[in-house]
Amino acid sequence: MGILDSIAGQLFNKGTAQNPLLDAVMGLIGNQQTGGLAGLVQQFAGKGLGDIANSWVSTGANLPITPEQLKQGLGSQNIGKIAAQAGISPEAVTSQLSTLLPNIVDKLTPNGQISQEDIASKGIDLLKGLFK
C-alpha cells in the first residue's frame, strides 16, 4: 500500500471508492516503483512536456495541459488502465485528468519542491478539500 493509498484509507476507511479517477491519480503519484511524484514529473519531461509538468511543481502559475498532451505524457497504455479502473472512457480520463492532475501536483508541492517528508499531511489536506 502506497502512502497516498494510506492517506485515502485514513479519510475514507476504504480508500476513494467514491471517486475512482482520484484513486487512479493517487496511484500514479504514489507509485514508488516509478519514482512517485518525482518520477511522474520526469516521465512528462522525457516526453517533451517538462515545462508544463515543472510549472505544476513550481510556485508560479500552472501551465495548462491538453488531453492530447496528457495522453502523450502518460502513454496510451496507462490511460487505458486508468479508464478501466475508473470505469470511464479514455477520452473522459484525459479530459478530466487535464484539470485534476495539475491541481493535485500543485497542491502537493506548495514550496515549489517535491518533498516526501511532508506528502502525507499535504495529501490528507488536499483530499479533504476535494470532498467537501
N, C-alpha and C. Protein backbone atom coordinates (compact mmCIF):
# COMPACT_ATOMS: atom_id res chain seq x y z
N MET A 1 0.85 -1.18 0.00
CA MET A 1 0.00 0.00 0.00
C MET A 1 0.89 1.24 0.00
N GLY A 2 0.69 2.16 -0.93
CA GLY A 2 1.47 3.37 -1.01
C GLY A 2 0.99 4.40 -0.01
N ILE A 3 1.77 5.47 0.15
CA ILE A 3 1.44 6.49 1.13
C ILE A 3 0.13 7.19 0.80
N LEU A 4 -0.14 7.43 -0.47
CA LEU A 4 -1.39 8.10 -0.82
C LEU A 4 -2.59 7.18 -0.63
N ASP A 5 -2.39 5.88 -0.83
CA ASP A 5 -3.46 4.94 -0.52
C ASP A 5 -3.74 4.95 0.97
N SER A 6 -2.68 5.05 1.75
CA SER A 6 -2.82 5.12 3.20
C SER A 6 -3.59 6.37 3.61
N ILE A 7 -3.28 7.49 2.97
CA ILE A 7 -4.00 8.74 3.25
C ILE A 7 -5.48 8.57 2.95
N ALA A 8 -5.78 8.00 1.79
CA ALA A 8 -7.18 7.78 1.42
C ALA A 8 -7.85 6.87 2.43
N GLY A 9 -7.15 5.84 2.87
CA GLY A 9 -7.69 4.93 3.87
C GLY A 9 -8.02 5.64 5.16
N GLN A 10 -7.16 6.57 5.57
CA GLN A 10 -7.40 7.33 6.79
C GLN A 10 -8.65 8.19 6.67
N LEU A 11 -8.87 8.73 5.50
CA LEU A 11 -10.01 9.62 5.31
C LEU A 11 -11.32 8.88 5.08
N PHE A 12 -11.25 7.76 4.36
CA PHE A 12 -12.48 7.12 3.93
C PHE A 12 -12.63 5.69 4.41
N ASN A 13 -11.70 5.20 5.20
CA ASN A 13 -11.68 3.84 5.72
C ASN A 13 -11.47 2.77 4.67
N LYS A 14 -11.90 3.00 3.44
CA LYS A 14 -11.78 2.00 2.38
C LYS A 14 -11.13 2.56 1.14
N GLY A 15 -10.52 3.70 1.21
CA GLY A 15 -9.95 4.30 0.01
C GLY A 15 -10.90 5.31 -0.58
N THR A 16 -10.79 5.53 -1.87
CA THR A 16 -11.60 6.55 -2.53
C THR A 16 -12.56 5.93 -3.52
N ALA A 17 -13.27 4.92 -3.09
CA ALA A 17 -14.19 4.23 -3.98
C ALA A 17 -15.23 5.18 -4.57
N GLN A 18 -15.48 6.30 -3.89
CA GLN A 18 -16.45 7.26 -4.41
C GLN A 18 -15.92 7.96 -5.65
N ASN A 19 -14.61 8.00 -5.82
CA ASN A 19 -14.00 8.69 -6.94
C ASN A 19 -12.85 7.86 -7.50
N PRO A 20 -13.16 6.90 -8.36
CA PRO A 20 -12.11 6.02 -8.87
C PRO A 20 -11.05 6.75 -9.70
N LEU A 21 -11.39 7.88 -10.31
CA LEU A 21 -10.39 8.62 -11.06
C LEU A 21 -9.36 9.23 -10.11
N LEU A 22 -9.81 9.77 -9.00
CA LEU A 22 -8.90 10.29 -8.00
C LEU A 22 -8.03 9.17 -7.44
N ASP A 23 -8.61 8.02 -7.25
CA ASP A 23 -7.86 6.85 -6.78
C ASP A 23 -6.75 6.51 -7.78
N ALA A 24 -7.06 6.59 -9.07
CA ALA A 24 -6.06 6.31 -10.10
C ALA A 24 -4.94 7.34 -10.09
N VAL A 25 -5.29 8.62 -9.90
CA VAL A 25 -4.28 9.67 -9.81
C VAL A 25 -3.38 9.43 -8.60
N MET A 26 -3.98 9.06 -7.49
CA MET A 26 -3.20 8.77 -6.30
C MET A 26 -2.25 7.61 -6.55
N GLY A 27 -2.70 6.64 -7.33
CA GLY A 27 -1.83 5.53 -7.69
C GLY A 27 -0.65 5.96 -8.53
N LEU A 28 -0.88 6.91 -9.45
CA LEU A 28 0.21 7.44 -10.28
C LEU A 28 1.24 8.17 -9.42
N ILE A 29 0.75 9.02 -8.55
CA ILE A 29 1.62 9.85 -7.74
C ILE A 29 2.31 9.04 -6.64
N GLY A 30 1.62 8.04 -6.14
CA GLY A 30 2.16 7.26 -5.03
C GLY A 30 2.93 6.03 -5.43
N ASN A 31 3.08 5.76 -6.72
CA ASN A 31 3.76 4.56 -7.19
C ASN A 31 5.27 4.71 -7.04
N GLN A 32 5.82 4.13 -5.97
CA GLN A 32 7.25 4.26 -5.72
C GLN A 32 8.10 3.48 -6.72
N GLN A 33 7.52 2.48 -7.38
CA GLN A 33 8.26 1.74 -8.40
C GLN A 33 8.60 2.61 -9.60
N THR A 34 7.78 3.60 -9.86
CA THR A 34 8.04 4.50 -10.98
C THR A 34 8.60 5.84 -10.50
N GLY A 35 8.94 5.93 -9.23
CA GLY A 35 9.55 7.15 -8.70
C GLY A 35 8.58 8.11 -8.06
N GLY A 36 7.34 7.70 -7.85
CA GLY A 36 6.36 8.57 -7.20
C GLY A 36 6.11 9.84 -7.99
N LEU A 37 5.89 10.91 -7.26
CA LEU A 37 5.59 12.20 -7.88
C LEU A 37 6.77 12.69 -8.73
N ALA A 38 7.98 12.54 -8.23
CA ALA A 38 9.17 12.96 -8.99
C ALA A 38 9.28 12.16 -10.29
N GLY A 39 9.00 10.88 -10.22
CA GLY A 39 9.04 10.04 -11.42
C GLY A 39 8.00 10.44 -12.43
N LEU A 40 6.82 10.82 -11.94
CA LEU A 40 5.75 11.26 -12.84
C LEU A 40 6.17 12.54 -13.58
N VAL A 41 6.74 13.47 -12.84
CA VAL A 41 7.20 14.72 -13.46
C VAL A 41 8.31 14.42 -14.47
N GLN A 42 9.21 13.53 -14.13
CA GLN A 42 10.29 13.15 -15.05
C GLN A 42 9.74 12.45 -16.29
N GLN A 43 8.68 11.66 -16.11
CA GLN A 43 8.07 10.98 -17.25
C GLN A 43 7.54 12.01 -18.25
N PHE A 44 6.88 13.05 -17.75
CA PHE A 44 6.39 14.10 -18.64
C PHE A 44 7.55 14.82 -19.31
N ALA A 45 8.61 15.08 -18.55
CA ALA A 45 9.78 15.75 -19.12
C ALA A 45 10.41 14.91 -20.23
N GLY A 46 10.45 13.61 -20.04
CA GLY A 46 11.01 12.72 -21.05
C GLY A 46 10.21 12.68 -22.34
N LYS A 47 8.96 13.13 -22.27
CA LYS A 47 8.10 13.15 -23.46
C LYS A 47 7.98 14.57 -24.03
N GLY A 48 8.90 15.46 -23.61
CA GLY A 48 8.89 16.83 -24.13
C GLY A 48 7.91 17.76 -23.44
N LEU A 49 7.38 17.34 -22.29
CA LEU A 49 6.39 18.15 -21.59
C LEU A 49 6.90 18.64 -20.24
N GLY A 50 8.22 18.73 -20.12
CA GLY A 50 8.84 19.12 -18.86
C GLY A 50 8.44 20.51 -18.38
N ASP A 51 8.36 21.46 -19.30
CA ASP A 51 7.97 22.82 -18.90
C ASP A 51 6.59 22.83 -18.26
N ILE A 52 5.69 22.06 -18.82
CA ILE A 52 4.33 22.00 -18.29
C ILE A 52 4.32 21.36 -16.91
N ALA A 53 4.90 20.17 -16.79
CA ALA A 53 4.89 19.45 -15.51
C ALA A 53 5.65 20.21 -14.44
N ASN A 54 6.77 20.81 -14.80
CA ASN A 54 7.55 21.57 -13.82
C ASN A 54 6.80 22.81 -13.35
N SER A 55 5.92 23.35 -14.19
CA SER A 55 5.12 24.52 -13.76
C SER A 55 4.14 24.13 -12.66
N TRP A 56 3.70 22.88 -12.65
CA TRP A 56 2.78 22.43 -11.60
C TRP A 56 3.49 22.34 -10.26
N VAL A 57 4.77 22.01 -10.31
CA VAL A 57 5.58 21.89 -9.09
C VAL A 57 6.01 23.27 -8.60
N SER A 58 6.36 24.15 -9.50
CA SER A 58 6.89 25.48 -9.13
C SER A 58 5.84 26.31 -8.41
N THR A 59 6.30 27.42 -7.85
CA THR A 59 5.38 28.29 -7.12
C THR A 59 4.63 29.25 -8.04
N GLY A 60 4.98 29.28 -9.30
CA GLY A 60 4.30 30.16 -10.25
C GLY A 60 3.00 29.56 -10.75
N ALA A 61 2.47 30.18 -11.79
CA ALA A 61 1.21 29.71 -12.38
C ALA A 61 1.40 28.35 -13.05
N ASN A 62 0.36 27.52 -12.98
CA ASN A 62 0.38 26.22 -13.64
C ASN A 62 0.08 26.41 -15.12
N LEU A 63 0.94 25.84 -15.95
CA LEU A 63 0.65 25.83 -17.38
C LEU A 63 -0.43 24.77 -17.63
N PRO A 64 -1.34 25.06 -18.54
CA PRO A 64 -2.38 24.07 -18.85
C PRO A 64 -1.81 22.91 -19.66
N ILE A 65 -2.50 21.80 -19.60
CA ILE A 65 -2.15 20.64 -20.41
C ILE A 65 -3.41 20.19 -21.14
N THR A 66 -3.28 19.90 -22.40
CA THR A 66 -4.42 19.43 -23.17
C THR A 66 -4.60 17.93 -22.95
N PRO A 67 -5.79 17.42 -23.21
CA PRO A 67 -5.97 15.97 -23.12
C PRO A 67 -4.99 15.20 -24.00
N GLU A 68 -4.68 15.74 -25.18
CA GLU A 68 -3.75 15.07 -26.08
C GLU A 68 -2.34 15.03 -25.49
N GLN A 69 -1.91 16.14 -24.87
CA GLN A 69 -0.59 16.18 -24.23
C GLN A 69 -0.55 15.24 -23.03
N LEU A 70 -1.64 15.17 -22.30
CA LEU A 70 -1.71 14.27 -21.16
C LEU A 70 -1.56 12.82 -21.62
N LYS A 71 -2.22 12.48 -22.71
CA LYS A 71 -2.09 11.13 -23.27
C LYS A 71 -0.66 10.88 -23.70
N GLN A 72 -0.01 11.88 -24.29
CA GLN A 72 1.39 11.76 -24.68
C GLN A 72 2.27 11.54 -23.45
N GLY A 73 2.03 12.29 -22.39
CA GLY A 73 2.84 12.21 -21.19
C GLY A 73 2.68 10.92 -20.42
N LEU A 74 1.46 10.44 -20.33
CA LEU A 74 1.20 9.21 -19.56
C LEU A 74 1.29 7.96 -20.42
N GLY A 75 1.04 8.11 -21.70
CA GLY A 75 1.04 6.96 -22.60
C GLY A 75 -0.34 6.34 -22.71
N SER A 76 -0.65 5.84 -23.89
CA SER A 76 -1.97 5.26 -24.15
C SER A 76 -2.27 4.07 -23.25
N GLN A 77 -1.25 3.27 -22.95
CA GLN A 77 -1.46 2.09 -22.11
C GLN A 77 -1.89 2.49 -20.70
N ASN A 78 -1.22 3.49 -20.13
CA ASN A 78 -1.59 3.96 -18.79
C ASN A 78 -2.99 4.58 -18.79
N ILE A 79 -3.30 5.35 -19.82
CA ILE A 79 -4.63 5.95 -19.93
C ILE A 79 -5.69 4.84 -19.98
N GLY A 80 -5.41 3.79 -20.75
CA GLY A 80 -6.35 2.67 -20.84
C GLY A 80 -6.55 1.98 -19.50
N LYS A 81 -5.47 1.80 -18.75
CA LYS A 81 -5.57 1.19 -17.41
C LYS A 81 -6.40 2.06 -16.47
N ILE A 82 -6.15 3.36 -16.50
CA ILE A 82 -6.89 4.29 -15.65
C ILE A 82 -8.37 4.28 -16.03
N ALA A 83 -8.65 4.27 -17.34
CA ALA A 83 -10.04 4.25 -17.81
C ALA A 83 -10.75 2.99 -17.32
N ALA A 84 -10.06 1.85 -17.41
CA ALA A 84 -10.66 0.60 -16.95
C ALA A 84 -10.90 0.64 -15.44
N GLN A 85 -9.94 1.17 -14.71
CA GLN A 85 -10.06 1.25 -13.26
C GLN A 85 -11.20 2.18 -12.85
N ALA A 86 -11.32 3.31 -13.56
CA ALA A 86 -12.34 4.31 -13.22
C ALA A 86 -13.70 4.00 -13.83
N GLY A 87 -13.72 3.10 -14.81
CA GLY A 87 -14.99 2.76 -15.45
C GLY A 87 -15.50 3.85 -16.38
N ILE A 88 -14.58 4.60 -16.98
CA ILE A 88 -14.96 5.65 -17.93
C ILE A 88 -14.10 5.50 -19.18
N SER A 89 -14.44 6.24 -20.21
CA SER A 89 -13.71 6.14 -21.48
C SER A 89 -12.33 6.79 -21.36
N PRO A 90 -11.39 6.36 -22.20
CA PRO A 90 -10.07 7.01 -22.21
C PRO A 90 -10.15 8.51 -22.49
N GLU A 91 -11.09 8.91 -23.33
CA GLU A 91 -11.27 10.33 -23.63
C GLU A 91 -11.72 11.10 -22.39
N ALA A 92 -12.62 10.50 -21.61
CA ALA A 92 -13.06 11.14 -20.37
C ALA A 92 -11.91 11.22 -19.37
N VAL A 93 -11.07 10.19 -19.34
CA VAL A 93 -9.91 10.20 -18.44
C VAL A 93 -9.00 11.38 -18.78
N THR A 94 -8.61 11.50 -20.04
CA THR A 94 -7.67 12.57 -20.41
C THR A 94 -8.30 13.95 -20.21
N SER A 95 -9.58 14.07 -20.48
CA SER A 95 -10.26 15.35 -20.28
C SER A 95 -10.27 15.74 -18.80
N GLN A 96 -10.66 14.80 -17.96
CA GLN A 96 -10.75 15.10 -16.52
C GLN A 96 -9.38 15.25 -15.88
N LEU A 97 -8.43 14.40 -16.27
CA LEU A 97 -7.08 14.48 -15.69
C LEU A 97 -6.34 15.74 -16.12
N SER A 98 -6.69 16.30 -17.26
CA SER A 98 -6.01 17.52 -17.71
C SER A 98 -6.29 18.68 -16.75
N THR A 99 -7.34 18.60 -15.98
CA THR A 99 -7.64 19.58 -14.95
C THR A 99 -7.19 19.09 -13.57
N LEU A 100 -7.47 17.85 -13.28
CA LEU A 100 -7.22 17.29 -11.94
C LEU A 100 -5.73 17.14 -11.63
N LEU A 101 -4.95 16.58 -12.53
CA LEU A 101 -3.55 16.28 -12.25
C LEU A 101 -2.72 17.54 -11.96
N PRO A 102 -2.81 18.59 -12.77
CA PRO A 102 -2.03 19.80 -12.43
C PRO A 102 -2.37 20.36 -11.05
N ASN A 103 -3.65 20.33 -10.70
CA ASN A 103 -4.06 20.86 -9.40
C ASN A 103 -3.54 20.02 -8.25
N ILE A 104 -3.57 18.71 -8.39
CA ILE A 104 -3.07 17.84 -7.33
C ILE A 104 -1.56 18.02 -7.16
N VAL A 105 -0.83 18.01 -8.27
CA VAL A 105 0.63 18.19 -8.18
C VAL A 105 0.94 19.54 -7.56
N ASP A 106 0.23 20.57 -7.97
CA ASP A 106 0.44 21.91 -7.43
C ASP A 106 0.21 21.94 -5.92
N LYS A 107 -0.87 21.33 -5.46
CA LYS A 107 -1.20 21.34 -4.04
C LYS A 107 -0.21 20.52 -3.21
N LEU A 108 0.36 19.48 -3.81
CA LEU A 108 1.32 18.65 -3.09
C LEU A 108 2.72 19.26 -3.06
N THR A 109 2.92 20.34 -3.81
CA THR A 109 4.24 20.97 -3.89
C THR A 109 4.13 22.49 -3.67
N PRO A 110 3.58 22.94 -2.55
CA PRO A 110 3.35 24.38 -2.36
C PRO A 110 4.63 25.22 -2.28
N ASN A 111 5.75 24.60 -1.93
CA ASN A 111 7.01 25.34 -1.84
C ASN A 111 7.84 25.21 -3.09
N GLY A 112 7.26 24.66 -4.15
CA GLY A 112 7.97 24.53 -5.41
C GLY A 112 8.96 23.39 -5.45
N GLN A 113 8.81 22.45 -4.53
CA GLN A 113 9.70 21.30 -4.46
C GLN A 113 8.89 20.04 -4.17
N ILE A 114 9.42 18.93 -4.66
CA ILE A 114 8.81 17.64 -4.35
C ILE A 114 9.47 17.12 -3.09
N SER A 115 8.67 17.02 -2.03
CA SER A 115 9.20 16.60 -0.73
C SER A 115 8.41 15.41 -0.22
N GLN A 116 9.09 14.30 0.01
CA GLN A 116 8.41 13.09 0.51
C GLN A 116 8.04 13.21 1.99
N GLU A 117 8.81 13.99 2.76
CA GLU A 117 8.55 14.06 4.20
C GLU A 117 7.17 14.61 4.51
N ASP A 118 6.73 15.56 3.75
CA ASP A 118 5.50 16.28 4.06
C ASP A 118 4.31 15.82 3.23
N ILE A 119 4.50 14.84 2.36
CA ILE A 119 3.45 14.49 1.40
C ILE A 119 2.20 13.92 2.07
N ALA A 120 2.36 13.22 3.20
CA ALA A 120 1.19 12.63 3.87
C ALA A 120 0.24 13.71 4.37
N SER A 121 0.76 14.71 5.07
CA SER A 121 -0.12 15.76 5.59
C SER A 121 -0.71 16.59 4.47
N LYS A 122 0.07 16.87 3.44
CA LYS A 122 -0.45 17.64 2.30
C LYS A 122 -1.54 16.84 1.57
N GLY A 123 -1.30 15.55 1.41
CA GLY A 123 -2.28 14.70 0.74
C GLY A 123 -3.59 14.63 1.48
N ILE A 124 -3.53 14.52 2.80
CA ILE A 124 -4.75 14.49 3.61
C ILE A 124 -5.51 15.79 3.46
N ASP A 125 -4.82 16.92 3.57
CA ASP A 125 -5.48 18.21 3.42
C ASP A 125 -6.09 18.37 2.03
N LEU A 126 -5.37 17.93 1.00
CA LEU A 126 -5.85 18.02 -0.37
C LEU A 126 -7.13 17.20 -0.55
N LEU A 127 -7.10 15.98 -0.06
CA LEU A 127 -8.27 15.11 -0.22
C LEU A 127 -9.47 15.65 0.55
N LYS A 128 -9.23 16.21 1.72
CA LYS A 128 -10.33 16.81 2.48
C LYS A 128 -10.99 17.93 1.66
N GLY A 129 -10.15 18.76 1.01
CA GLY A 129 -10.67 19.84 0.19
C GLY A 129 -11.46 19.37 -1.01
N LEU A 130 -11.05 18.25 -1.60
CA LEU A 130 -11.73 17.73 -2.79
C LEU A 130 -13.08 17.13 -2.46
N PHE A 131 -13.26 16.68 -1.22
CA PHE A 131 -14.51 16.01 -0.88
C PHE A 131 -15.39 16.79 0.05
N LYS A 132 -15.24 18.12 0.10
CA LYS A 132 -16.11 18.97 0.92
C LYS A 132 -17.45 19.13 0.27
